[in-house]
């Protein structure tokens, strides 16, 4: 993964302003499934990650495409690839959160939560990130 590019893209979107490369690497390392998209020259053009038990539940996040490659179906193709991957074949509850891509995800079968009264959340303040100020070499992605 080209974590310099992925970090830059993620810093430029509403859901992860100010995210550091070290945070991206740490989050990737602790994800259940990661997908990167690359062009014919090997340049990374997209990224996503999934948090999952790989049995019942998966949360798709950080779906991001390099701006010049957007609006070409790359993000949708990555999500579809991840959902159909044999490693994720037992999962039957997929969730994600979006502010502006409902139409994109609806085409993949996503819709509003049917029973929002059952879901709960704690949304705290973004905590101290000083642990991520160390050089990337101390946090290795697998």
N, C-alpha and C. Protein backbone atom coordinates (compact mmCIF):
# COMPACT_ATOMS: atom_id res chain seq x y z
N UNK A 1 0.84 -1.19 0.00
CA UNK A 1 0.00 0.00 0.00
C UNK A 1 0.89 1.25 0.00
N UNK A 2 0.45 2.22 -0.75
CA UNK A 2 1.14 3.50 -0.79
C UNK A 2 0.50 4.39 0.28
N UNK A 3 1.01 4.28 1.49
CA UNK A 3 0.39 4.98 2.61
C UNK A 3 0.56 6.50 2.54
N UNK A 4 1.54 6.98 1.80
CA UNK A 4 1.64 8.43 1.60
C UNK A 4 0.41 8.92 0.83
N UNK A 5 0.09 8.24 -0.26
CA UNK A 5 -1.07 8.64 -1.07
C UNK A 5 -2.38 8.44 -0.32
N UNK A 6 -2.55 7.27 0.28
CA UNK A 6 -3.80 6.98 0.99
C UNK A 6 -4.03 8.00 2.10
N UNK A 7 -2.99 8.32 2.86
CA UNK A 7 -3.11 9.30 3.94
C UNK A 7 -3.50 10.67 3.40
N UNK A 8 -2.89 11.07 2.29
CA UNK A 8 -3.22 12.36 1.68
C UNK A 8 -4.68 12.39 1.26
N UNK A 9 -5.15 11.35 0.58
CA UNK A 9 -6.56 11.31 0.15
C UNK A 9 -7.49 11.39 1.35
N UNK A 10 -7.18 10.62 2.40
CA UNK A 10 -8.05 10.59 3.57
C UNK A 10 -8.06 11.92 4.32
N UNK A 11 -6.94 12.63 4.33
CA UNK A 11 -6.91 13.94 4.99
C UNK A 11 -7.80 14.95 4.27
N UNK A 12 -8.07 14.71 2.99
CA UNK A 12 -8.83 15.66 2.18
C UNK A 12 -10.34 15.41 2.17
N UNK A 13 -10.82 14.39 2.89
CA UNK A 13 -12.26 14.10 2.91
C UNK A 13 -12.84 14.41 4.29
N UNK A 14 -14.14 14.56 4.33
CA UNK A 14 -14.82 15.02 5.55
C UNK A 14 -14.69 14.09 6.74
N UNK A 15 -14.56 12.79 6.53
CA UNK A 15 -14.61 11.86 7.65
C UNK A 15 -13.27 11.65 8.35
N UNK A 16 -12.18 12.15 7.80
CA UNK A 16 -10.90 11.91 8.46
C UNK A 16 -9.93 13.08 8.32
N UNK A 17 -10.39 14.31 8.58
CA UNK A 17 -9.46 15.44 8.47
C UNK A 17 -8.34 15.30 9.49
N UNK A 18 -7.17 15.68 9.10
CA UNK A 18 -5.99 15.68 9.97
C UNK A 18 -5.48 14.29 10.31
N UNK A 19 -5.98 13.24 9.66
CA UNK A 19 -5.47 11.90 9.95
C UNK A 19 -4.01 11.83 9.50
N UNK A 20 -3.20 11.15 10.27
CA UNK A 20 -1.79 11.03 9.95
C UNK A 20 -1.51 9.71 9.24
N UNK A 21 -0.39 9.66 8.58
CA UNK A 21 0.04 8.43 7.92
C UNK A 21 0.15 7.30 8.94
N UNK A 22 0.67 7.63 10.11
CA UNK A 22 0.83 6.62 11.15
C UNK A 22 -0.51 6.06 11.60
N UNK A 23 -1.54 6.92 11.70
CA UNK A 23 -2.87 6.45 12.06
C UNK A 23 -3.44 5.53 10.97
N UNK A 24 -3.21 5.90 9.72
CA UNK A 24 -3.71 5.09 8.60
C UNK A 24 -3.05 3.71 8.64
N UNK A 25 -1.76 3.67 8.85
CA UNK A 25 -1.04 2.40 8.92
C UNK A 25 -1.54 1.58 10.11
N UNK A 26 -1.68 2.20 11.26
CA UNK A 26 -2.15 1.50 12.46
C UNK A 26 -3.56 0.95 12.25
N UNK A 27 -4.45 1.78 11.67
CA UNK A 27 -5.82 1.33 11.39
C UNK A 27 -5.84 0.19 10.40
N UNK A 28 -4.99 0.27 9.39
CA UNK A 28 -4.91 -0.80 8.39
C UNK A 28 -4.42 -2.09 9.02
N UNK A 29 -3.42 -1.98 9.84
CA UNK A 29 -2.87 -3.16 10.53
C UNK A 29 -3.94 -3.85 11.37
N UNK A 30 -4.84 -3.08 11.92
CA UNK A 30 -5.87 -3.64 12.81
C UNK A 30 -7.19 -3.90 12.11
N UNK A 31 -7.19 -3.84 10.80
CA UNK A 31 -8.40 -4.13 10.02
C UNK A 31 -8.45 -5.61 9.68
N UNK A 32 -9.65 -6.08 9.36
CA UNK A 32 -9.85 -7.49 9.03
C UNK A 32 -9.56 -7.79 7.57
N UNK A 33 -9.77 -6.79 6.72
CA UNK A 33 -9.63 -7.00 5.28
C UNK A 33 -9.32 -5.64 4.67
N UNK A 34 -8.38 -5.59 3.76
CA UNK A 34 -7.95 -4.34 3.14
C UNK A 34 -7.87 -4.56 1.62
N UNK A 35 -8.32 -3.57 0.87
CA UNK A 35 -8.25 -3.64 -0.58
C UNK A 35 -7.57 -2.38 -1.10
N UNK A 36 -6.65 -2.56 -2.01
CA UNK A 36 -6.03 -1.44 -2.71
C UNK A 36 -6.25 -1.63 -4.19
N UNK A 37 -6.54 -0.55 -4.89
CA UNK A 37 -6.68 -0.60 -6.34
C UNK A 37 -5.48 0.06 -6.99
N UNK A 38 -5.00 -0.52 -8.06
CA UNK A 38 -3.79 -0.04 -8.71
C UNK A 38 -4.02 0.07 -10.22
N UNK A 39 -3.40 1.07 -10.84
CA UNK A 39 -3.53 1.20 -12.29
C UNK A 39 -2.57 0.24 -12.99
N UNK A 40 -2.55 0.28 -14.32
CA UNK A 40 -1.73 -0.66 -15.09
C UNK A 40 -0.23 -0.47 -14.89
N UNK A 41 0.16 0.66 -14.29
CA UNK A 41 1.59 0.92 -14.02
C UNK A 41 1.96 0.63 -12.58
N UNK A 42 1.02 0.13 -11.80
CA UNK A 42 1.28 -0.19 -10.40
C UNK A 42 1.09 0.96 -9.44
N UNK A 43 0.57 2.09 -9.92
CA UNK A 43 0.30 3.24 -9.05
C UNK A 43 -1.00 3.00 -8.31
N UNK A 44 -0.98 3.20 -7.00
CA UNK A 44 -2.20 3.02 -6.23
C UNK A 44 -3.18 4.13 -6.53
N UNK A 45 -4.45 3.74 -6.78
CA UNK A 45 -5.49 4.72 -7.11
C UNK A 45 -6.69 4.62 -6.18
N UNK A 46 -6.72 3.61 -5.29
CA UNK A 46 -7.87 3.48 -4.40
C UNK A 46 -7.53 2.61 -3.19
N UNK A 47 -8.42 2.65 -2.20
CA UNK A 47 -8.19 1.96 -0.94
C UNK A 47 -9.52 1.80 -0.22
N UNK A 48 -9.65 0.71 0.51
CA UNK A 48 -10.74 0.55 1.48
C UNK A 48 -10.29 -0.45 2.53
N UNK A 49 -10.97 -0.40 3.66
CA UNK A 49 -10.71 -1.39 4.70
C UNK A 49 -12.01 -1.80 5.35
N UNK A 50 -11.95 -2.98 6.00
CA UNK A 50 -13.13 -3.55 6.62
C UNK A 50 -12.78 -4.01 8.03
N UNK A 51 -13.67 -3.71 8.97
CA UNK A 51 -13.59 -4.25 10.32
C UNK A 51 -14.66 -5.33 10.40
N UNK A 52 -14.27 -6.54 10.81
CA UNK A 52 -15.22 -7.65 10.76
C UNK A 52 -14.78 -8.80 11.65
N UNK A 53 -15.78 -9.61 12.04
CA UNK A 53 -15.47 -10.90 12.66
C UNK A 53 -15.37 -11.99 11.61
N UNK A 54 -15.66 -11.64 10.36
CA UNK A 54 -15.63 -12.55 9.20
C UNK A 54 -16.63 -13.70 9.33
N UNK A 55 -17.63 -13.52 10.17
CA UNK A 55 -18.68 -14.51 10.35
C UNK A 55 -20.06 -13.87 10.16
N UNK A 56 -20.34 -12.83 10.95
CA UNK A 56 -21.68 -12.24 10.92
C UNK A 56 -21.71 -10.78 10.53
N UNK A 57 -20.65 -10.04 10.78
CA UNK A 57 -20.72 -8.59 10.72
C UNK A 57 -19.48 -8.01 10.04
N UNK A 58 -19.69 -6.98 9.22
CA UNK A 58 -18.57 -6.26 8.61
C UNK A 58 -18.94 -4.79 8.46
N UNK A 59 -18.01 -3.93 8.81
CA UNK A 59 -18.15 -2.49 8.67
C UNK A 59 -17.15 -2.02 7.63
N UNK A 60 -17.65 -1.47 6.55
CA UNK A 60 -16.81 -0.97 5.46
C UNK A 60 -16.48 0.50 5.74
N UNK A 61 -15.21 0.84 5.67
CA UNK A 61 -14.83 2.22 5.89
C UNK A 61 -13.62 2.62 5.07
N UNK A 62 -13.38 3.91 5.03
CA UNK A 62 -12.25 4.50 4.30
C UNK A 62 -12.22 4.10 2.83
N UNK A 63 -13.39 4.04 2.21
CA UNK A 63 -13.44 3.81 0.77
C UNK A 63 -13.01 5.13 0.12
N UNK A 64 -11.87 5.12 -0.55
CA UNK A 64 -11.32 6.35 -1.10
C UNK A 64 -10.68 6.07 -2.46
N UNK A 65 -10.87 7.00 -3.37
CA UNK A 65 -10.29 6.89 -4.72
C UNK A 65 -9.53 8.18 -5.00
N UNK A 66 -8.36 8.06 -5.57
CA UNK A 66 -7.56 9.21 -5.98
C UNK A 66 -8.43 10.12 -6.85
N UNK A 67 -8.49 11.43 -6.56
CA UNK A 67 -9.41 12.32 -7.28
C UNK A 67 -9.43 12.19 -8.80
N UNK A 68 -8.29 12.07 -9.50
CA UNK A 68 -8.39 11.95 -10.97
C UNK A 68 -9.06 10.66 -11.45
N UNK A 69 -9.21 9.70 -10.57
CA UNK A 69 -9.78 8.40 -10.95
C UNK A 69 -11.22 8.22 -10.46
N UNK A 70 -11.78 9.25 -9.84
CA UNK A 70 -13.15 9.16 -9.32
C UNK A 70 -14.17 9.18 -10.45
N UNK A 71 -15.38 8.75 -10.11
CA UNK A 71 -16.51 8.73 -11.06
C UNK A 71 -16.31 7.71 -12.18
N UNK A 72 -15.51 6.67 -11.90
CA UNK A 72 -15.27 5.62 -12.89
C UNK A 72 -15.71 4.24 -12.39
N UNK A 73 -16.34 4.21 -11.20
CA UNK A 73 -16.82 2.94 -10.66
C UNK A 73 -15.79 2.16 -9.87
N UNK A 74 -14.64 2.75 -9.61
CA UNK A 74 -13.58 2.04 -8.90
C UNK A 74 -13.98 1.75 -7.46
N UNK A 75 -14.55 2.73 -6.78
CA UNK A 75 -14.97 2.51 -5.39
C UNK A 75 -16.01 1.41 -5.29
N UNK A 76 -17.01 1.44 -6.16
CA UNK A 76 -18.05 0.40 -6.17
C UNK A 76 -17.44 -0.97 -6.45
N UNK A 77 -16.51 -1.01 -7.40
CA UNK A 77 -15.87 -2.29 -7.75
C UNK A 77 -15.09 -2.85 -6.56
N UNK A 78 -14.43 -1.97 -5.82
CA UNK A 78 -13.69 -2.44 -4.64
C UNK A 78 -14.62 -2.99 -3.57
N UNK A 79 -15.72 -2.28 -3.31
CA UNK A 79 -16.68 -2.74 -2.31
C UNK A 79 -17.26 -4.09 -2.73
N UNK A 80 -17.65 -4.20 -3.97
CA UNK A 80 -18.20 -5.46 -4.48
C UNK A 80 -17.17 -6.59 -4.36
N UNK A 81 -15.93 -6.31 -4.74
CA UNK A 81 -14.86 -7.29 -4.63
C UNK A 81 -14.72 -7.77 -3.18
N UNK A 82 -14.68 -6.83 -2.25
CA UNK A 82 -14.51 -7.18 -0.84
C UNK A 82 -15.69 -8.02 -0.34
N UNK A 83 -16.90 -7.62 -0.70
CA UNK A 83 -18.08 -8.34 -0.23
C UNK A 83 -18.19 -9.74 -0.81
N UNK A 84 -17.65 -9.93 -2.01
CA UNK A 84 -17.72 -11.25 -2.66
C UNK A 84 -16.47 -12.10 -2.42
N UNK A 85 -15.49 -11.56 -1.73
CA UNK A 85 -14.25 -12.29 -1.51
C UNK A 85 -14.52 -13.52 -0.63
N UNK A 86 -13.91 -14.67 -0.95
CA UNK A 86 -14.13 -15.88 -0.15
C UNK A 86 -13.83 -15.71 1.34
N UNK A 87 -12.88 -14.86 1.66
CA UNK A 87 -12.53 -14.63 3.06
C UNK A 87 -13.68 -13.97 3.84
N UNK A 88 -14.58 -13.32 3.11
CA UNK A 88 -15.70 -12.62 3.74
C UNK A 88 -17.03 -13.30 3.46
N UNK A 89 -17.01 -14.51 2.96
CA UNK A 89 -18.21 -15.19 2.45
C UNK A 89 -19.26 -15.52 3.51
N UNK A 90 -18.88 -15.61 4.76
CA UNK A 90 -19.86 -15.93 5.81
C UNK A 90 -20.61 -14.70 6.32
N UNK A 91 -20.09 -13.54 6.06
CA UNK A 91 -20.68 -12.30 6.57
C UNK A 91 -22.04 -12.06 5.93
N UNK A 92 -23.03 -11.77 6.77
CA UNK A 92 -24.37 -11.49 6.25
C UNK A 92 -24.92 -10.15 6.71
N UNK A 93 -24.18 -9.42 7.52
CA UNK A 93 -24.59 -8.07 7.94
C UNK A 93 -23.46 -7.11 7.58
N UNK A 94 -23.68 -6.30 6.59
CA UNK A 94 -22.71 -5.32 6.13
C UNK A 94 -23.22 -3.93 6.45
N UNK A 95 -22.39 -3.08 7.02
CA UNK A 95 -22.78 -1.70 7.31
C UNK A 95 -21.70 -0.75 6.83
N UNK A 96 -22.12 0.47 6.60
CA UNK A 96 -21.20 1.55 6.30
C UNK A 96 -21.89 2.85 6.64
N UNK A 97 -21.12 3.90 6.66
CA UNK A 97 -21.67 5.22 6.96
C UNK A 97 -21.22 6.16 5.85
N UNK A 98 -22.16 6.95 5.32
CA UNK A 98 -21.82 7.91 4.27
C UNK A 98 -22.67 9.17 4.42
N UNK A 99 -22.10 10.27 4.04
CA UNK A 99 -22.81 11.54 4.04
C UNK A 99 -23.37 11.86 2.66
N UNK A 100 -22.69 11.38 1.61
CA UNK A 100 -23.03 11.86 0.28
C UNK A 100 -22.99 10.80 -0.83
N UNK A 101 -22.85 9.53 -0.49
CA UNK A 101 -22.75 8.51 -1.55
C UNK A 101 -23.84 7.46 -1.44
N UNK A 102 -25.01 7.84 -0.95
CA UNK A 102 -26.10 6.89 -0.79
C UNK A 102 -26.47 6.20 -2.10
N UNK A 103 -26.50 6.96 -3.19
CA UNK A 103 -26.85 6.40 -4.48
C UNK A 103 -25.85 5.36 -4.96
N UNK A 104 -24.58 5.62 -4.71
CA UNK A 104 -23.53 4.66 -5.09
C UNK A 104 -23.73 3.34 -4.35
N UNK A 105 -23.94 3.42 -3.04
CA UNK A 105 -24.06 2.20 -2.24
C UNK A 105 -25.41 1.51 -2.43
N UNK A 106 -26.45 2.28 -2.76
CA UNK A 106 -27.76 1.67 -3.03
C UNK A 106 -27.67 0.71 -4.21
N UNK A 107 -26.86 1.05 -5.20
CA UNK A 107 -26.68 0.18 -6.36
C UNK A 107 -26.04 -1.16 -5.98
N UNK A 108 -25.38 -1.19 -4.84
CA UNK A 108 -24.75 -2.43 -4.35
C UNK A 108 -25.66 -3.17 -3.36
N UNK A 109 -26.85 -2.63 -3.12
CA UNK A 109 -27.80 -3.29 -2.23
C UNK A 109 -27.95 -2.67 -0.86
N UNK A 110 -27.18 -1.64 -0.55
CA UNK A 110 -27.28 -1.00 0.77
C UNK A 110 -28.51 -0.12 0.84
N UNK A 111 -29.07 -0.02 2.03
CA UNK A 111 -30.21 0.85 2.28
C UNK A 111 -30.18 1.30 3.72
N UNK A 112 -31.15 2.11 4.13
CA UNK A 112 -31.20 2.56 5.52
C UNK A 112 -31.35 1.36 6.47
N UNK A 113 -30.89 1.53 7.68
CA UNK A 113 -31.05 0.49 8.70
C UNK A 113 -32.54 0.33 8.98
N UNK A 114 -33.02 -0.91 8.91
CA UNK A 114 -34.44 -1.19 9.12
C UNK A 114 -34.88 -0.98 10.55
N UNK A 115 -33.98 -1.20 11.47
CA UNK A 115 -34.34 -1.13 12.89
C UNK A 115 -33.39 -0.21 13.66
N UNK A 116 -33.39 1.08 13.34
CA UNK A 116 -32.44 1.99 13.99
C UNK A 116 -32.62 2.05 15.51
N UNK A 117 -33.81 1.70 15.98
CA UNK A 117 -34.03 1.74 17.43
C UNK A 117 -33.20 0.69 18.17
N UNK A 118 -32.66 -0.27 17.45
CA UNK A 118 -31.81 -1.30 18.08
C UNK A 118 -30.34 -0.91 18.10
N UNK A 119 -29.97 0.03 17.27
CA UNK A 119 -28.56 0.44 17.16
C UNK A 119 -28.28 1.59 18.11
N UNK A 120 -27.11 1.56 18.70
CA UNK A 120 -26.70 2.63 19.60
C UNK A 120 -25.25 3.00 19.28
N UNK A 121 -24.87 4.19 19.68
CA UNK A 121 -23.51 4.66 19.40
C UNK A 121 -23.04 5.56 20.52
N UNK A 122 -21.75 5.53 20.78
CA UNK A 122 -21.09 6.55 21.60
C UNK A 122 -20.16 7.28 20.65
N UNK A 123 -20.32 8.54 20.53
CA UNK A 123 -19.47 9.34 19.65
C UNK A 123 -18.73 10.34 20.52
N UNK A 124 -17.50 10.02 20.83
CA UNK A 124 -16.70 10.89 21.68
C UNK A 124 -15.87 11.87 20.87
N UNK A 125 -15.13 12.68 21.58
CA UNK A 125 -14.19 13.60 20.95
C UNK A 125 -12.98 12.82 20.45
N UNK A 126 -12.37 13.29 19.42
CA UNK A 126 -11.16 12.66 18.91
C UNK A 126 -10.07 12.87 19.95
N UNK A 127 -9.55 11.78 20.46
CA UNK A 127 -8.58 11.83 21.55
C UNK A 127 -7.18 12.20 21.11
N UNK A 128 -6.29 12.16 22.07
CA UNK A 128 -4.88 12.46 21.86
C UNK A 128 -4.27 11.50 20.85
N UNK A 129 -3.62 12.01 19.87
CA UNK A 129 -2.99 11.19 18.83
C UNK A 129 -1.48 11.23 18.91
N UNK A 130 -0.93 11.69 20.03
CA UNK A 130 0.52 11.84 20.13
C UNK A 130 1.26 10.51 19.98
N UNK A 131 0.61 9.41 20.28
CA UNK A 131 1.27 8.11 20.12
C UNK A 131 1.61 7.83 18.67
N UNK A 132 0.97 8.54 17.75
CA UNK A 132 1.20 8.32 16.33
C UNK A 132 2.26 9.26 15.76
N UNK A 133 2.88 10.07 16.60
CA UNK A 133 3.90 11.00 16.11
C UNK A 133 5.23 10.32 15.87
N UNK A 134 5.37 9.08 16.33
CA UNK A 134 6.60 8.35 16.10
C UNK A 134 6.72 8.01 14.62
N UNK A 135 7.92 7.76 14.14
CA UNK A 135 8.10 7.41 12.73
C UNK A 135 7.31 6.15 12.38
N UNK A 136 6.90 6.07 11.12
CA UNK A 136 6.11 4.94 10.63
C UNK A 136 6.79 3.60 10.83
N UNK A 137 8.09 3.59 10.88
CA UNK A 137 8.80 2.34 10.98
C UNK A 137 8.46 1.59 12.27
N UNK A 138 7.90 2.30 13.25
CA UNK A 138 7.55 1.65 14.50
C UNK A 138 6.18 0.97 14.43
N UNK A 139 5.39 1.30 13.42
CA UNK A 139 4.08 0.70 13.23
C UNK A 139 4.07 0.05 11.86
N UNK A 140 4.08 -1.26 11.82
CA UNK A 140 4.17 -1.97 10.56
C UNK A 140 2.81 -2.49 10.14
N UNK A 141 2.43 -2.28 8.90
CA UNK A 141 1.22 -2.89 8.36
C UNK A 141 1.55 -4.31 7.94
N UNK A 142 0.56 -5.18 8.06
CA UNK A 142 0.84 -6.56 7.66
C UNK A 142 0.53 -6.79 6.22
